[in-house]
Amino acid sequence: MAVPRHVACVMDGNGRWAAQRSLPRTAGHEAAEAAVMDVIEAARSAGVTWLSLYAFSTENWRRPAGEVALLMRLVRRAIRKHAPVLHARGVRCRFLGMTDPRIPAPLVQDITDLMTLTRDNRRMTLTVAFDHGGRRDIVQAARSLIRSATPADQVTEASFAEHLPYPDTPDVDLVIRTSGEQRISNFMLWQVAYAEWVFPQVLWPDFRAAHFSECLDAYLRRQRRFGGLHRPTTMSGDGPR
């Protein structure tokens, strides 16, 4: 089996990392930045061409206002700090979600600038799920399909997927959820339908390239059947998997 084309990470454990050190939860979010950059480089070096990171969910708005505000500042700081490096390394950056008006306007502008700067890069596509909810994406796709007046007998999985955000995104091959928790958490529900999952015990701020490589090795040891008895040569028209 080849290196997975699309890897997605649920970056879990920041709060527990901080609690173990008797630090405020915000310290865990601050420490997570190093893990993010390490994983981006590890994925790029391994030949992964699509990487998706779950940074902030639609449900995360329920967290304390101070924590949410800090997360917004940290994302803005990370974009400004790392945008030149990501662009130089051929990474195309996208943000999945971004519909809530509570996202600060300066952050929206920085995100827009980053996507514009990197839009022609093709070495790897980095999708940051920010203000993202898998169910919301599906509902919005259904609304879009209805507005297009597509006859019911012409609605297929392929035609439905065309109405999802970034319809060129391939199905996820491997999902890594750190901290040992085993939940989907409303993450890219359509795209992870046949993904392999690994659940390393390490908390996200401690997750590094070596851990990422271990997850790739676990993926390579598996036989993907997609519900059948034998591994197919193609899946959803995307070519060999």
Protein backbone atom coordinates (compact mmCIF):
# COMPACT_ATOMS: atom_id res chain seq x y z
CA MET A 1 0.00 0.00 0.00
CA ALA A 2 1.27 3.45 -0.92
CA VAL A 3 1.64 6.42 1.40
CA PRO A 4 -1.86 7.82 2.07
CA ARG A 5 -2.81 10.57 -0.30
CA HIS A 6 -4.92 12.44 2.27
CA VAL A 7 -4.21 12.45 6.01
CA ALA A 8 -6.39 14.29 8.51
CA CYS A 9 -5.56 15.06 12.14
CA VAL A 10 -7.89 15.71 15.05
CA MET A 11 -5.53 17.72 17.22
CA ASP A 12 -6.73 16.63 20.66
CA GLY A 13 -5.22 16.94 24.12
CA ASN A 14 -4.12 20.56 24.52
CA GLY A 15 -6.12 21.07 27.70
CA ARG A 16 -4.93 17.83 29.30
CA TRP A 17 -1.33 18.65 28.37
CA ALA A 18 -1.64 21.93 30.27
CA ALA A 19 -3.44 20.33 33.22
CA GLN A 20 -0.67 17.75 33.63
CA ARG A 21 1.74 20.65 34.07
CA SER A 22 -0.55 22.70 36.34
CA LEU A 23 -0.82 25.34 33.61
CA PRO A 24 -3.89 27.12 32.26
CA ARG A 25 -5.60 25.51 29.27
CA THR A 26 -4.39 28.36 27.10
CA ALA A 27 -0.80 27.18 27.59
CA GLY A 28 -1.71 23.95 25.84
CA HIS A 29 -3.03 25.82 22.83
CA GLU A 30 0.15 27.88 22.68
CA ALA A 31 2.29 24.74 22.83
CA ALA A 32 0.33 23.16 19.97
CA GLU A 33 1.89 25.40 17.32
CA ALA A 34 5.18 23.48 17.27
CA ALA A 35 3.32 20.22 16.69
CA VAL A 36 1.37 21.72 13.81
CA MET A 37 4.48 22.86 11.97
CA ASP A 38 6.30 19.59 12.64
CA VAL A 39 3.41 17.55 11.25
CA ILE A 40 3.07 19.74 8.16
CA GLU A 41 6.74 19.21 7.34
CA ALA A 42 6.59 15.49 8.17
CA ALA A 43 3.61 15.01 5.86
CA ARG A 44 5.21 16.97 3.05
CA SER A 45 8.48 15.05 3.37
CA ALA A 46 6.65 11.70 3.39
CA GLY A 47 4.88 12.47 0.13
CA VAL A 48 1.41 13.13 1.56
CA THR A 49 -0.25 15.54 -0.87
CA TRP A 50 -3.34 16.47 1.17
CA LEU A 51 -3.24 17.25 4.90
CA SER A 52 -6.26 18.41 6.91
CA LEU A 53 -6.04 19.71 10.48
CA TYR A 54 -9.04 20.14 12.79
CA ALA A 55 -8.33 23.44 14.53
CA PHE A 56 -11.71 24.78 15.70
CA SER A 57 -15.16 23.22 15.47
CA THR A 58 -18.61 24.79 15.36
CA GLU A 59 -19.07 23.39 18.87
CA ASN A 60 -15.92 25.10 20.18
CA TRP A 61 -17.79 28.41 20.29
CA ARG A 62 -19.29 27.09 23.53
CA ARG A 63 -15.93 27.36 25.29
CA PRO A 64 -15.16 30.29 27.61
CA ALA A 65 -14.95 33.58 25.73
CA GLY A 66 -11.39 34.21 26.91
CA GLU A 67 -10.20 30.85 25.59
CA VAL A 68 -11.90 31.42 22.23
CA ALA A 69 -10.37 34.89 21.94
CA LEU A 70 -6.92 33.48 22.64
CA LEU A 71 -7.37 30.79 19.99
CA MET A 72 -8.25 33.46 17.45
CA ARG A 73 -5.12 35.43 18.35
CA LEU A 74 -2.93 32.33 18.18
CA VAL A 75 -4.20 31.41 14.72
CA ARG A 76 -3.55 34.93 13.49
CA ARG A 77 -0.05 34.94 14.98
CA ALA A 78 0.75 31.54 13.43
CA ILE A 79 -0.43 32.65 9.99
CA ARG A 80 1.70 35.77 10.04
CA LYS A 81 4.72 33.88 11.33
CA HIS A 82 4.62 30.85 9.06
CA ALA A 83 3.00 32.09 5.82
CA PRO A 84 6.35 32.78 4.08
CA VAL A 85 7.69 29.32 4.95
CA LEU A 86 4.53 27.52 3.83
CA HIS A 87 4.55 29.41 0.55
CA ALA A 88 8.25 28.73 -0.04
CA ARG A 89 7.69 25.01 0.49
CA GLY A 90 4.89 24.82 -2.06
CA VAL A 91 2.01 24.37 0.37
CA ARG A 92 -1.43 25.53 -0.76
CA CYS A 93 -3.45 26.66 2.27
CA ARG A 94 -7.21 26.43 2.57
CA PHE A 95 -9.64 27.01 5.43
CA LEU A 96 -12.74 24.85 5.76
CA GLY A 97 -15.66 26.51 7.54
CA MET A 98 -15.23 30.21 8.23
CA THR A 99 -18.93 31.14 8.18
CA ASP A 100 -19.49 32.46 11.69
CA PRO A 101 -19.60 36.28 11.98
CA ARG A 102 -17.88 36.06 15.36
CA ILE A 103 -14.54 35.38 13.66
CA PRO A 104 -12.60 38.66 14.01
CA ALA A 105 -12.34 40.64 10.78
CA PRO A 106 -8.53 41.01 10.98
CA LEU A 107 -8.21 37.21 11.23
CA VAL A 108 -10.52 36.74 8.25
CA GLN A 109 -8.29 39.12 6.29
CA ASP A 110 -5.10 37.28 7.27
CA ILE A 111 -6.66 33.97 6.25
CA THR A 112 -7.79 35.41 2.93
CA ASP A 113 -4.31 36.79 2.30
CA LEU A 114 -2.72 33.42 3.10
CA MET A 115 -5.03 31.55 0.74
CA THR A 116 -4.38 34.10 -2.00
CA LEU A 117 -0.61 33.93 -1.51
CA THR A 118 -0.50 30.12 -1.74
CA ARG A 119 -3.35 29.33 -4.13
CA ASP A 120 -1.09 28.27 -7.02
CA ASN A 121 1.11 25.95 -4.92
CA ARG A 122 0.74 22.23 -5.57
CA ARG A 123 3.38 20.41 -3.50
CA MET A 124 0.80 19.79 -0.78
CA THR A 125 -2.67 21.12 0.08
CA LEU A 126 -3.12 22.04 3.73
CA THR A 127 -6.74 22.40 4.80
CA VAL A 128 -7.35 23.94 8.21
CA ALA A 129 -10.83 23.09 9.48
CA PHE A 130 -11.70 26.28 11.35
CA ASP A 131 -15.25 26.99 12.49
CA HIS A 132 -15.98 23.63 10.85
CA GLY A 133 -18.79 21.15 11.32
CA GLY A 134 -19.25 18.05 9.19
CA ARG A 135 -23.02 18.02 9.59
CA ARG A 136 -23.24 21.68 8.62
CA ASP A 137 -21.26 20.99 5.46
CA ILE A 138 -23.69 18.23 4.49
CA VAL A 139 -26.75 20.39 5.20
CA GLN A 140 -25.31 23.24 3.16
CA ALA A 141 -24.53 20.86 0.30
CA ALA A 142 -28.11 19.58 0.39
CA ARG A 143 -29.42 23.14 0.23
CA SER A 144 -27.13 23.89 -2.70
CA LEU A 145 -28.30 20.76 -4.51
CA ILE A 146 -31.94 21.73 -4.00
CA ARG A 147 -31.29 25.25 -5.30
CA SER A 148 -29.70 23.74 -8.41
CA ALA A 149 -33.03 22.01 -9.16
CA THR A 150 -31.30 18.69 -9.79
CA PRO A 151 -33.94 15.98 -10.39
CA ALA A 152 -34.09 13.46 -7.55
CA ASP A 153 -33.23 10.53 -9.80
CA GLN A 154 -30.03 12.31 -10.85
CA VAL A 155 -28.74 12.79 -7.31
CA THR A 156 -25.77 10.50 -6.78
CA GLU A 157 -22.91 10.42 -4.30
CA ALA A 158 -20.72 12.05 -6.93
CA SER A 159 -23.20 14.84 -7.75
CA PHE A 160 -23.85 15.48 -4.06
CA ALA A 161 -20.13 15.73 -3.32
CA GLU A 162 -19.82 18.44 -5.98
CA HIS A 163 -21.83 20.73 -3.68
CA LEU A 164 -19.57 20.24 -0.66
CA PRO A 165 -16.91 22.84 0.18
CA TYR A 166 -13.78 22.23 -1.90
CA PRO A 167 -15.26 19.40 -3.99
CA ASP A 168 -11.81 18.61 -5.42
CA THR A 169 -10.71 17.33 -2.00
CA PRO A 170 -10.13 13.56 -2.16
CA ASP A 171 -11.56 11.20 0.44
CA VAL A 172 -9.49 10.97 3.59
CA ASP A 173 -7.33 7.84 3.72
CA LEU A 174 -6.04 8.13 7.29
CA VAL A 175 -7.33 10.00 10.33
CA ILE A 176 -5.02 10.53 13.30
CA ARG A 177 -6.69 11.52 16.56
CA THR A 178 -4.21 12.23 19.32
CA SER A 179 -4.65 11.80 23.10
CA GLY A 180 -6.25 8.36 22.85
CA GLU A 181 -9.83 9.63 22.52
CA GLN A 182 -11.87 7.72 19.95
CA ARG A 183 -14.55 10.03 18.57
CA ILE A 184 -15.27 11.54 15.14
CA SER A 185 -16.34 14.88 16.67
CA ASN A 186 -18.26 16.05 13.60
CA PHE A 187 -15.09 16.18 11.49
CA MET A 188 -15.31 15.97 7.68
CA LEU A 189 -18.10 13.40 7.97
CA TRP A 190 -18.52 12.86 4.24
CA GLN A 191 -14.80 12.62 3.48
CA VAL A 192 -13.86 10.19 6.29
CA ALA A 193 -16.47 7.56 5.37
CA TYR A 194 -13.84 4.91 4.53
CA ALA A 195 -10.81 6.30 6.29
CA GLU A 196 -8.51 4.25 8.47
CA TRP A 197 -8.19 5.61 12.02
CA VAL A 198 -5.31 5.54 14.48
CA PHE A 199 -5.49 6.80 18.06
CA PRO A 200 -2.03 7.51 19.48
CA GLN A 201 -1.98 8.15 23.22
CA VAL A 202 0.36 11.15 22.93
CA LEU A 203 -1.22 14.55 23.53
CA TRP A 204 -1.16 16.93 20.58
CA PRO A 205 1.43 19.43 21.93
CA ASP A 206 3.90 16.52 22.22
CA PHE A 207 3.07 15.05 18.79
CA ARG A 208 6.05 15.19 16.43
CA ALA A 209 7.31 13.86 13.11
CA ALA A 210 8.31 10.51 14.65
CA HIS A 211 4.77 9.95 15.92
CA PHE A 212 3.39 10.90 12.51
CA SER A 213 5.67 8.33 10.87
CA GLU A 214 4.45 5.67 13.29
CA CYS A 215 0.87 6.43 12.25
CA LEU A 216 1.82 6.11 8.58
CA ASP A 217 3.45 2.77 9.34
CA ALA A 218 0.26 1.57 11.05
CA TYR A 219 -1.72 2.59 7.98
CA LEU A 220 0.65 0.75 5.65
CA ARG A 221 0.19 -2.47 7.62
CA ARG A 222 -3.56 -2.48 7.04
CA GLN A 223 -5.54 -3.94 4.15
CA ARG A 224 -8.28 -1.64 2.97
CA ARG A 225 -11.35 -3.46 1.62
CA PHE A 226 -13.97 -0.68 1.41
CA GLY A 227 -16.67 -3.10 2.54
CA GLY A 228 -15.65 -5.93 0.19
CA LEU A 229 -13.52 -9.03 0.56
CA HIS A 230 -10.65 -7.84 -1.58
CA ARG A 231 -8.89 -4.50 -1.84
CA PRO A 232 -10.25 -2.70 -4.94
CA THR A 233 -7.96 -1.07 -7.45
CA THR A 234 -10.05 2.12 -7.52
CA MET A 235 -12.38 3.98 -5.22
CA SER A 236 -14.74 6.80 -6.25
CA GLY A 237 -12.81 7.35 -9.47
CA ASP A 238 -9.73 8.60 -7.65
CA GLY A 239 -7.40 5.96 -9.03
CA PRO A 240 -5.31 3.38 -7.13
CA ARG A 241 -5.37 3.59 -3.34
